[in-house]
């Protein structure tokens, strides 16, 4: 009798772990704010679109592998010769957003060529994001005093700035705004 109960518990635990650890399709659109750190006004309200696979990890954090897109008129867009922006997040509260390929001709052929859009800081639940936007893919163009930021979910600059401070402080980064 005890053996049957133990076997049932082990089977139930195995089924739960398979369910919990299986990657799931994740599609989300968040309202956010695009702003510059040394300016008081919002440059633009934007939308962030995530599409990919979200997977739970044993330690409670999440992995995400997929595509990220932005909607907005003033927000820096990916150069025309680049493929889509990829986010490969491994649950460590930081990752980079990049395009791994450049289109070389009208037939759509591509060559490996990394273009980094920016760094992204993420909470453990994968529900809050702040992005340090690099100009022309150059990480040297961003600073904690006047860098360009995209933060979501946020309705205004104050909310976006507070969320950015919270997410970035977890990794020891202080914003000077």
N, C-alpha and C. Protein backbone atom coordinates (compact mmCIF):
# COMPACT_ATOMS: atom_id res chain seq x y z
N UNK A 1 0.82 -1.19 0.00
CA UNK A 1 0.00 0.00 0.00
C UNK A 1 0.87 1.27 0.00
N UNK A 2 1.90 1.29 0.87
CA UNK A 2 2.79 2.44 0.92
C UNK A 2 3.55 2.60 -0.39
N UNK A 3 3.91 1.50 -1.00
CA UNK A 3 4.63 1.54 -2.27
C UNK A 3 3.76 2.16 -3.36
N UNK A 4 2.48 1.80 -3.40
CA UNK A 4 1.56 2.36 -4.40
C UNK A 4 1.39 3.86 -4.20
N UNK A 5 1.30 4.30 -2.97
CA UNK A 5 1.16 5.73 -2.69
C UNK A 5 2.43 6.47 -3.12
N UNK A 6 3.58 5.90 -2.80
CA UNK A 6 4.85 6.50 -3.18
C UNK A 6 4.99 6.58 -4.70
N UNK A 7 4.62 5.53 -5.40
CA UNK A 7 4.67 5.52 -6.87
C UNK A 7 3.72 6.58 -7.43
N UNK A 8 2.53 6.69 -6.88
CA UNK A 8 1.56 7.69 -7.33
C UNK A 8 2.10 9.11 -7.12
N UNK A 9 2.75 9.35 -5.99
CA UNK A 9 3.32 10.67 -5.72
C UNK A 9 4.45 10.98 -6.70
N UNK A 10 5.32 10.01 -6.97
CA UNK A 10 6.42 10.20 -7.91
C UNK A 10 5.88 10.47 -9.32
N UNK A 11 4.87 9.74 -9.73
CA UNK A 11 4.27 9.95 -11.06
C UNK A 11 3.64 11.34 -11.13
N UNK A 12 2.89 11.72 -10.09
CA UNK A 12 2.26 13.04 -10.07
C UNK A 12 3.31 14.15 -10.11
N UNK A 13 4.39 13.98 -9.36
CA UNK A 13 5.47 14.96 -9.36
C UNK A 13 6.13 15.04 -10.74
N UNK A 14 6.34 13.91 -11.38
CA UNK A 14 6.91 13.87 -12.72
C UNK A 14 6.03 14.59 -13.73
N UNK A 15 4.73 14.33 -13.67
CA UNK A 15 3.78 15.00 -14.57
C UNK A 15 3.79 16.50 -14.34
N UNK A 16 3.80 16.91 -13.07
CA UNK A 16 3.83 18.34 -12.76
C UNK A 16 5.10 18.99 -13.30
N UNK A 17 6.26 18.35 -13.10
CA UNK A 17 7.51 18.92 -13.59
C UNK A 17 7.54 19.05 -15.11
N UNK A 18 7.03 18.04 -15.79
CA UNK A 18 6.95 18.12 -17.25
C UNK A 18 6.07 19.29 -17.67
N UNK A 19 4.91 19.43 -17.04
CA UNK A 19 4.00 20.54 -17.34
C UNK A 19 4.66 21.88 -17.03
N UNK A 20 5.29 22.00 -15.87
CA UNK A 20 5.89 23.25 -15.41
C UNK A 20 7.07 23.68 -16.29
N UNK A 21 7.89 22.75 -16.72
CA UNK A 21 9.11 23.07 -17.45
C UNK A 21 8.95 23.11 -18.97
N UNK A 22 7.79 22.71 -19.49
CA UNK A 22 7.56 22.73 -20.93
C UNK A 22 7.42 24.18 -21.42
N UNK A 23 8.20 24.57 -22.44
CA UNK A 23 8.07 25.93 -22.97
C UNK A 23 6.67 26.17 -23.53
N UNK A 24 6.18 27.40 -23.33
CA UNK A 24 4.86 27.78 -23.82
C UNK A 24 4.99 28.98 -24.76
N UNK A 25 4.09 29.02 -25.72
CA UNK A 25 4.05 30.17 -26.62
C UNK A 25 3.71 31.41 -25.80
N UNK A 26 4.45 32.48 -26.01
CA UNK A 26 4.24 33.72 -25.27
C UNK A 26 4.10 34.85 -26.27
N UNK A 27 2.98 35.53 -26.22
CA UNK A 27 2.74 36.71 -27.04
C UNK A 27 2.19 37.79 -26.13
N UNK A 28 2.83 38.94 -26.11
CA UNK A 28 2.37 40.03 -25.25
C UNK A 28 2.65 41.36 -25.93
N UNK A 29 1.76 42.31 -25.68
CA UNK A 29 1.93 43.68 -26.12
C UNK A 29 1.79 44.57 -24.90
N UNK A 30 2.79 45.39 -24.65
CA UNK A 30 2.79 46.26 -23.47
C UNK A 30 2.89 47.71 -23.90
N UNK A 31 2.19 48.58 -23.18
CA UNK A 31 2.31 50.01 -23.39
C UNK A 31 3.50 50.51 -22.59
N UNK A 32 4.31 51.33 -23.22
CA UNK A 32 5.50 51.83 -22.55
C UNK A 32 5.81 53.26 -22.93
N UNK A 33 6.97 53.71 -22.48
CA UNK A 33 7.39 55.09 -22.68
C UNK A 33 8.82 55.09 -23.22
N UNK A 34 9.05 55.92 -24.23
CA UNK A 34 10.38 56.15 -24.78
C UNK A 34 10.81 57.54 -24.33
N UNK A 35 11.94 57.63 -23.63
CA UNK A 35 12.36 58.92 -23.08
C UNK A 35 13.88 58.99 -22.97
N UNK A 36 14.36 60.21 -22.70
CA UNK A 36 15.79 60.42 -22.49
C UNK A 36 15.99 60.82 -21.03
N UNK A 37 17.06 60.30 -20.43
CA UNK A 37 17.26 60.46 -18.99
C UNK A 37 17.42 61.91 -18.52
N UNK A 38 18.05 62.78 -19.28
CA UNK A 38 18.25 64.14 -18.79
C UNK A 38 17.11 65.09 -19.15
N UNK A 39 16.08 64.60 -19.78
CA UNK A 39 14.92 65.42 -20.17
C UNK A 39 13.71 65.05 -19.32
N UNK A 40 12.86 66.02 -19.04
CA UNK A 40 11.68 65.77 -18.21
C UNK A 40 10.50 65.20 -18.99
N UNK A 41 10.43 65.51 -20.26
CA UNK A 41 9.27 65.09 -21.04
C UNK A 41 9.47 63.70 -21.65
N UNK A 42 8.36 63.12 -22.03
CA UNK A 42 8.36 61.84 -22.73
C UNK A 42 8.60 62.13 -24.21
N UNK A 43 9.47 61.37 -24.83
CA UNK A 43 9.66 61.54 -26.27
C UNK A 43 8.45 60.97 -26.99
N UNK A 44 7.97 59.79 -26.52
CA UNK A 44 6.86 59.15 -27.21
C UNK A 44 6.32 57.99 -26.38
N UNK A 45 5.01 57.79 -26.42
CA UNK A 45 4.41 56.58 -25.88
C UNK A 45 4.55 55.50 -26.96
N UNK A 46 4.95 54.30 -26.55
CA UNK A 46 5.25 53.23 -27.50
C UNK A 46 4.57 51.94 -27.08
N UNK A 47 4.61 50.97 -27.97
CA UNK A 47 4.15 49.61 -27.66
C UNK A 47 5.30 48.65 -27.90
N UNK A 48 5.45 47.69 -26.99
CA UNK A 48 6.44 46.63 -27.13
C UNK A 48 5.69 45.34 -27.41
N UNK A 49 6.13 44.61 -28.42
CA UNK A 49 5.51 43.33 -28.78
C UNK A 49 6.54 42.22 -28.57
N UNK A 50 6.17 41.22 -27.79
CA UNK A 50 7.01 40.05 -27.56
C UNK A 50 6.32 38.84 -28.19
N UNK A 51 7.08 38.02 -28.90
CA UNK A 51 6.53 36.78 -29.44
C UNK A 51 7.63 35.72 -29.42
N UNK A 52 7.35 34.63 -28.73
CA UNK A 52 8.34 33.58 -28.64
C UNK A 52 7.92 32.50 -27.66
N UNK A 53 8.91 31.83 -27.10
CA UNK A 53 8.67 30.74 -26.14
C UNK A 53 9.15 31.18 -24.76
N UNK A 54 8.28 31.04 -23.77
CA UNK A 54 8.60 31.35 -22.38
C UNK A 54 8.62 30.04 -21.62
N UNK A 55 9.69 29.83 -20.85
CA UNK A 55 9.85 28.57 -20.13
C UNK A 55 10.21 28.84 -18.68
N UNK A 56 9.54 28.14 -17.77
CA UNK A 56 9.88 28.21 -16.34
C UNK A 56 11.15 27.41 -16.10
N UNK A 57 11.93 27.86 -15.12
CA UNK A 57 13.12 27.13 -14.70
C UNK A 57 12.89 26.57 -13.31
N UNK A 58 13.71 25.64 -12.90
CA UNK A 58 13.57 25.01 -11.59
C UNK A 58 13.72 26.01 -10.45
N UNK A 59 14.50 27.07 -10.65
CA UNK A 59 14.71 28.06 -9.60
C UNK A 59 13.63 29.14 -9.56
N UNK A 60 12.57 28.99 -10.37
CA UNK A 60 11.47 29.94 -10.38
C UNK A 60 11.62 31.06 -11.39
N UNK A 61 12.79 31.22 -11.97
CA UNK A 61 12.99 32.25 -12.99
C UNK A 61 12.50 31.73 -14.33
N UNK A 62 12.53 32.60 -15.33
CA UNK A 62 12.00 32.24 -16.64
C UNK A 62 13.04 32.45 -17.72
N UNK A 63 12.95 31.65 -18.78
CA UNK A 63 13.73 31.83 -20.00
C UNK A 63 12.77 32.31 -21.09
N UNK A 64 13.27 33.16 -21.99
CA UNK A 64 12.48 33.58 -23.14
C UNK A 64 13.38 33.56 -24.36
N UNK A 65 12.91 32.96 -25.43
CA UNK A 65 13.58 33.00 -26.72
C UNK A 65 12.56 33.43 -27.75
N UNK A 66 12.79 34.59 -28.35
CA UNK A 66 11.82 35.06 -29.31
C UNK A 66 12.20 36.40 -29.91
N UNK A 67 11.18 37.06 -30.43
CA UNK A 67 11.34 38.30 -31.17
C UNK A 67 10.70 39.43 -30.39
N UNK A 68 11.31 40.61 -30.47
CA UNK A 68 10.73 41.81 -29.87
C UNK A 68 10.62 42.87 -30.96
N UNK A 69 9.48 43.56 -30.98
CA UNK A 69 9.24 44.65 -31.94
C UNK A 69 8.73 45.86 -31.19
N UNK A 70 8.91 47.03 -31.79
CA UNK A 70 8.46 48.28 -31.18
C UNK A 70 7.54 49.01 -32.14
N UNK A 71 6.54 49.67 -31.58
CA UNK A 71 5.64 50.54 -32.35
C UNK A 71 5.82 51.95 -31.86
N UNK A 72 6.13 52.86 -32.76
CA UNK A 72 6.30 54.26 -32.42
C UNK A 72 6.95 54.99 -33.58
N UNK A 73 6.68 56.27 -33.69
CA UNK A 73 7.21 57.06 -34.80
C UNK A 73 8.63 57.56 -34.53
N UNK A 74 8.93 57.94 -33.29
CA UNK A 74 10.22 58.55 -32.97
C UNK A 74 11.25 57.56 -32.44
N UNK A 75 10.81 56.41 -32.07
CA UNK A 75 11.69 55.39 -31.50
C UNK A 75 12.68 54.92 -32.56
N UNK A 76 13.94 54.68 -32.21
CA UNK A 76 14.90 54.19 -33.21
C UNK A 76 14.48 52.83 -33.76
N UNK A 77 14.40 52.75 -35.06
CA UNK A 77 14.02 51.50 -35.71
C UNK A 77 15.26 50.78 -36.22
N UNK A 78 15.11 49.51 -36.41
CA UNK A 78 16.18 48.68 -36.93
C UNK A 78 16.52 49.12 -38.36
N UNK A 79 17.80 49.20 -38.71
CA UNK A 79 18.15 49.54 -40.10
C UNK A 79 17.50 48.57 -41.09
N UNK A 80 17.21 49.05 -42.28
CA UNK A 80 16.50 48.28 -43.30
C UNK A 80 17.20 46.98 -43.67
N UNK A 81 18.52 46.95 -43.59
CA UNK A 81 19.26 45.76 -44.02
C UNK A 81 19.43 44.72 -42.90
N UNK A 82 18.69 44.85 -41.84
CA UNK A 82 18.81 43.93 -40.71
C UNK A 82 17.60 43.00 -40.61
N UNK A 83 17.85 41.81 -40.06
CA UNK A 83 16.74 40.89 -39.78
C UNK A 83 16.10 41.31 -38.46
N UNK A 84 15.09 40.58 -38.01
CA UNK A 84 14.33 40.97 -36.82
C UNK A 84 15.18 40.98 -35.55
N UNK A 85 14.66 41.71 -34.54
CA UNK A 85 15.34 41.81 -33.25
C UNK A 85 15.04 40.58 -32.40
N UNK A 86 16.08 39.99 -31.86
CA UNK A 86 15.98 38.76 -31.08
C UNK A 86 16.25 39.06 -29.61
N UNK A 87 15.50 38.41 -28.75
CA UNK A 87 15.75 38.46 -27.31
C UNK A 87 15.92 37.03 -26.82
N UNK A 88 17.10 36.72 -26.31
CA UNK A 88 17.37 35.41 -25.71
C UNK A 88 17.68 35.66 -24.24
N UNK A 89 16.66 35.51 -23.41
CA UNK A 89 16.75 35.82 -21.99
C UNK A 89 16.84 34.54 -21.19
N UNK A 90 17.82 34.47 -20.29
CA UNK A 90 18.05 33.25 -19.52
C UNK A 90 17.74 33.41 -18.03
N UNK A 91 16.93 34.40 -17.67
CA UNK A 91 16.48 34.53 -16.29
C UNK A 91 17.40 35.28 -15.36
N UNK A 92 18.42 35.95 -15.88
CA UNK A 92 19.38 36.63 -15.02
C UNK A 92 19.13 38.13 -14.91
N UNK A 93 17.93 38.59 -15.18
CA UNK A 93 17.49 39.98 -15.06
C UNK A 93 18.15 40.93 -16.06
N UNK A 94 18.98 40.42 -16.98
CA UNK A 94 19.58 41.26 -18.01
C UNK A 94 19.84 40.42 -19.25
N UNK A 95 19.68 41.05 -20.40
CA UNK A 95 20.04 40.42 -21.66
C UNK A 95 20.27 41.53 -22.68
N UNK A 96 20.62 41.16 -23.89
CA UNK A 96 20.74 42.13 -24.97
C UNK A 96 19.69 41.84 -26.03
N UNK A 97 19.30 42.88 -26.73
CA UNK A 97 18.38 42.75 -27.86
C UNK A 97 19.24 42.97 -29.10
N UNK A 98 19.20 42.02 -30.02
CA UNK A 98 20.11 42.10 -31.16
C UNK A 98 19.48 41.53 -32.42
N UNK A 99 20.08 41.90 -33.54
CA UNK A 99 19.79 41.28 -34.82
C UNK A 99 21.06 40.55 -35.22
N UNK A 100 20.94 39.28 -35.53
CA UNK A 100 22.13 38.48 -35.80
C UNK A 100 22.57 38.44 -37.24
N UNK A 101 21.75 39.01 -38.14
CA UNK A 101 22.07 38.90 -39.56
C UNK A 101 21.80 40.20 -40.30
N UNK A 102 22.52 40.38 -41.40
CA UNK A 102 22.33 41.52 -42.29
C UNK A 102 21.95 40.99 -43.66
N UNK A 103 20.92 41.58 -44.25
CA UNK A 103 20.48 41.20 -45.60
C UNK A 103 21.44 41.83 -46.59
N UNK A 104 21.96 41.01 -47.53
CA UNK A 104 23.00 41.52 -48.43
C UNK A 104 22.53 41.79 -49.86
N UNK A 105 21.35 41.31 -50.23
CA UNK A 105 20.88 41.58 -51.58
C UNK A 105 19.36 41.51 -51.65
N UNK A 106 18.83 41.83 -52.84
CA UNK A 106 17.38 41.86 -53.03
C UNK A 106 16.74 40.49 -52.99
N UNK A 107 17.52 39.43 -53.06
CA UNK A 107 16.99 38.07 -52.96
C UNK A 107 16.75 37.66 -51.51
N UNK A 108 17.20 38.49 -50.59
CA UNK A 108 16.99 38.20 -49.18
C UNK A 108 18.07 37.37 -48.53
N UNK A 109 19.18 37.17 -49.23
CA UNK A 109 20.28 36.41 -48.62
C UNK A 109 20.86 37.21 -47.46
N UNK A 110 21.28 36.48 -46.44
CA UNK A 110 21.80 37.13 -45.24
C UNK A 110 23.20 36.62 -44.90
N UNK A 111 23.93 37.45 -44.17
CA UNK A 111 25.23 37.06 -43.63
C UNK A 111 25.23 37.35 -42.13
N UNK A 112 25.96 36.55 -41.37
CA UNK A 112 26.04 36.83 -39.93
C UNK A 112 26.69 38.19 -39.68
N UNK A 113 26.03 39.01 -38.89
CA UNK A 113 26.54 40.33 -38.57
C UNK A 113 25.72 40.86 -37.40
N UNK A 114 26.31 40.95 -36.24
CA UNK A 114 25.58 41.32 -35.03
C UNK A 114 25.35 42.83 -34.96
N UNK A 115 24.10 43.21 -34.73
CA UNK A 115 23.71 44.60 -34.49
C UNK A 115 22.99 44.61 -33.14
N UNK A 116 23.54 45.30 -32.17
CA UNK A 116 22.94 45.33 -30.83
C UNK A 116 22.06 46.56 -30.70
N UNK A 117 20.76 46.33 -30.46
CA UNK A 117 19.81 47.43 -30.30
C UNK A 117 19.94 48.06 -28.92
N UNK A 118 20.16 47.22 -27.90
CA UNK A 118 20.29 47.74 -26.54
C UNK A 118 20.33 46.63 -25.52
N UNK A 119 20.47 47.04 -24.28
CA UNK A 119 20.41 46.10 -23.16
C UNK A 119 19.02 46.14 -22.55
N UNK A 120 18.55 45.01 -22.05
CA UNK A 120 17.21 44.95 -21.46
C UNK A 120 17.31 44.40 -20.05
N UNK A 121 16.67 45.09 -19.12
CA UNK A 121 16.61 44.70 -17.72
C UNK A 121 15.19 44.22 -17.45
N UNK A 122 15.06 43.06 -16.81
CA UNK A 122 13.77 42.38 -16.70
C UNK A 122 13.57 41.90 -15.27
N UNK A 123 12.32 41.97 -14.79
CA UNK A 123 12.05 41.42 -13.46
C UNK A 123 11.91 39.90 -13.55
N UNK A 124 11.87 39.24 -12.39
CA UNK A 124 11.83 37.78 -12.35
C UNK A 124 10.58 37.19 -13.00
N UNK A 125 9.46 37.92 -12.97
CA UNK A 125 8.20 37.42 -13.53
C UNK A 125 8.08 37.62 -15.04
N UNK A 126 9.04 38.30 -15.65
CA UNK A 126 9.01 38.62 -17.08
C UNK A 126 7.79 39.48 -17.41
N UNK A 127 7.53 40.49 -16.54
CA UNK A 127 6.38 41.37 -16.74
C UNK A 127 6.77 42.85 -16.77
N UNK A 128 8.00 43.18 -16.40
CA UNK A 128 8.47 44.56 -16.39
C UNK A 128 9.81 44.63 -17.11
N UNK A 129 9.97 45.67 -17.94
CA UNK A 129 11.14 45.76 -18.81
C UNK A 129 11.63 47.19 -18.89
N UNK A 130 12.92 47.37 -18.95
CA UNK A 130 13.50 48.66 -19.32
C UNK A 130 14.68 48.39 -20.24
N UNK A 131 14.75 49.17 -21.30
CA UNK A 131 15.74 48.95 -22.35
C UNK A 131 16.63 50.18 -22.47
N UNK A 132 17.94 49.97 -22.45
CA UNK A 132 18.89 51.03 -22.74
C UNK A 132 19.13 51.00 -24.25
N UNK A 133 18.69 52.02 -24.94
CA UNK A 133 18.74 52.05 -26.41
C UNK A 133 20.09 52.59 -26.88
N UNK A 134 20.79 51.79 -27.67
CA UNK A 134 22.06 52.20 -28.25
C UNK A 134 21.79 52.89 -29.58
N UNK A 135 22.53 53.93 -29.87
CA UNK A 135 22.39 54.64 -31.14
C UNK A 135 23.28 53.94 -32.17
N UNK A 136 22.69 53.55 -33.28
CA UNK A 136 23.40 52.85 -34.37
C UNK A 136 24.12 51.59 -33.90
N UNK A 137 23.56 50.91 -32.89
CA UNK A 137 24.13 49.65 -32.42
C UNK A 137 25.40 49.77 -31.62
N UNK A 138 25.75 50.98 -31.18
CA UNK A 138 27.00 51.21 -30.46
C UNK A 138 26.73 51.40 -28.97
N UNK A 139 27.18 50.47 -28.14
CA UNK A 139 26.92 50.53 -26.71
C UNK A 139 27.61 51.73 -26.05
N UNK A 140 28.61 52.30 -26.69
CA UNK A 140 29.30 53.47 -26.13
C UNK A 140 28.44 54.73 -26.20
N UNK A 141 27.32 54.68 -26.93
CA UNK A 141 26.47 55.86 -27.07
C UNK A 141 25.49 56.02 -25.91
N UNK A 142 25.44 55.07 -25.00
CA UNK A 142 24.49 55.15 -23.89
C UNK A 142 25.21 55.52 -22.60
N UNK A 143 24.60 56.41 -21.81
CA UNK A 143 25.16 56.73 -20.50
C UNK A 143 24.02 56.84 -19.49
N UNK A 144 24.36 56.67 -18.22
CA UNK A 144 23.35 56.72 -17.17
C UNK A 144 22.90 58.14 -16.86
N UNK A 145 23.49 59.13 -17.51
CA UNK A 145 23.06 60.51 -17.27
C UNK A 145 22.16 61.06 -18.38
N UNK A 146 22.33 60.61 -19.62
CA UNK A 146 21.49 61.15 -20.69
C UNK A 146 21.10 60.10 -21.74
N UNK A 147 21.11 58.83 -21.36
CA UNK A 147 20.81 57.76 -22.30
C UNK A 147 19.34 57.69 -22.68
N UNK A 148 19.08 57.06 -23.82
CA UNK A 148 17.72 56.83 -24.29
C UNK A 148 17.19 55.54 -23.67
N UNK A 149 15.92 55.55 -23.26
CA UNK A 149 15.31 54.43 -22.54
C UNK A 149 13.94 54.10 -23.13
N UNK A 150 13.59 52.82 -23.08
CA UNK A 150 12.23 52.36 -23.34
C UNK A 150 11.84 51.55 -22.12
N UNK A 151 10.73 51.89 -21.50
CA UNK A 151 10.30 51.20 -20.29
C UNK A 151 8.84 50.82 -20.40
N UNK A 152 8.52 49.59 -19.98
CA UNK A 152 7.13 49.12 -20.01
C UNK A 152 6.92 48.11 -18.89
N UNK A 153 5.75 48.02 -18.35
CA UNK A 153 4.60 48.89 -18.60
C UNK A 153 4.77 50.22 -17.88
N UNK A 154 4.41 51.29 -18.55
CA UNK A 154 4.46 52.63 -17.96
C UNK A 154 3.55 53.55 -18.76
N UNK A 155 2.94 54.49 -18.04
CA UNK A 155 2.03 55.45 -18.68
C UNK A 155 2.67 56.82 -18.85
N UNK A 156 3.66 57.13 -17.98
CA UNK A 156 4.29 58.45 -18.04
C UNK A 156 5.77 58.32 -17.66
N UNK A 157 6.47 59.44 -17.75
CA UNK A 157 7.91 59.43 -17.51
C UNK A 157 8.25 59.09 -16.07
N UNK A 158 7.49 59.59 -15.11
CA UNK A 158 7.76 59.32 -13.70
C UNK A 158 7.66 57.82 -13.41
N UNK A 159 6.59 57.21 -13.88
CA UNK A 159 6.41 55.77 -13.69
C UNK A 159 7.53 54.98 -14.38
N UNK A 160 7.88 55.40 -15.60
CA UNK A 160 8.95 54.73 -16.35
C UNK A 160 10.29 54.88 -15.65
N UNK A 161 10.59 56.07 -15.18
CA UNK A 161 11.86 56.33 -14.51
C UNK A 161 11.98 55.52 -13.22
N UNK A 162 10.91 55.45 -12.45
CA UNK A 162 10.92 54.66 -11.21
C UNK A 162 11.14 53.18 -11.50
N UNK A 163 10.46 52.67 -12.52
CA UNK A 163 10.61 51.26 -12.88
C UNK A 163 12.03 50.98 -13.38
N UNK A 164 12.58 51.89 -14.18
CA UNK A 164 13.96 51.72 -14.67
C UNK A 164 14.94 51.67 -13.51
N UNK A 165 14.80 52.59 -12.57
CA UNK A 165 15.69 52.59 -11.39
C UNK A 165 15.60 51.27 -10.64
N UNK A 166 14.38 50.79 -10.44
CA UNK A 166 14.17 49.55 -9.70
C UNK A 166 14.83 48.36 -10.40
N UNK A 167 14.60 48.22 -11.71
CA UNK A 167 15.13 47.08 -12.45
C UNK A 167 16.65 47.13 -12.58
N UNK A 168 17.19 48.31 -12.81
CA UNK A 168 18.63 48.42 -13.03
C UNK A 168 19.42 48.38 -11.72
N UNK A 169 18.81 48.81 -10.63
CA UNK A 169 19.52 48.80 -9.35
C UNK A 169 19.81 47.38 -8.88
N UNK A 170 19.02 46.41 -9.34
CA UNK A 170 19.28 45.02 -8.98
C UNK A 170 20.63 44.55 -9.47
N UNK A 171 21.15 45.21 -10.50
CA UNK A 171 22.46 44.86 -11.04
C UNK A 171 23.51 45.92 -10.72
N UNK A 172 23.20 46.79 -9.76
CA UNK A 172 24.16 47.79 -9.30
C UNK A 172 24.31 49.01 -10.18
N UNK A 173 23.34 49.28 -11.05
CA UNK A 173 23.42 50.44 -11.94
C UNK A 173 22.54 51.55 -11.38
N UNK A 174 23.11 52.75 -11.26
CA UNK A 174 22.39 53.90 -10.74
C UNK A 174 22.16 54.89 -11.88
N UNK A 175 20.92 55.34 -12.03
CA UNK A 175 20.60 56.33 -13.05
C UNK A 175 20.74 57.72 -12.47
N UNK A 176 21.25 58.65 -13.27
CA UNK A 176 21.47 60.02 -12.82
C UNK A 176 20.39 60.96 -13.33
N UNK A 177 19.14 60.59 -13.15
CA UNK A 177 18.09 61.50 -13.66
C UNK A 177 17.35 62.02 -12.49
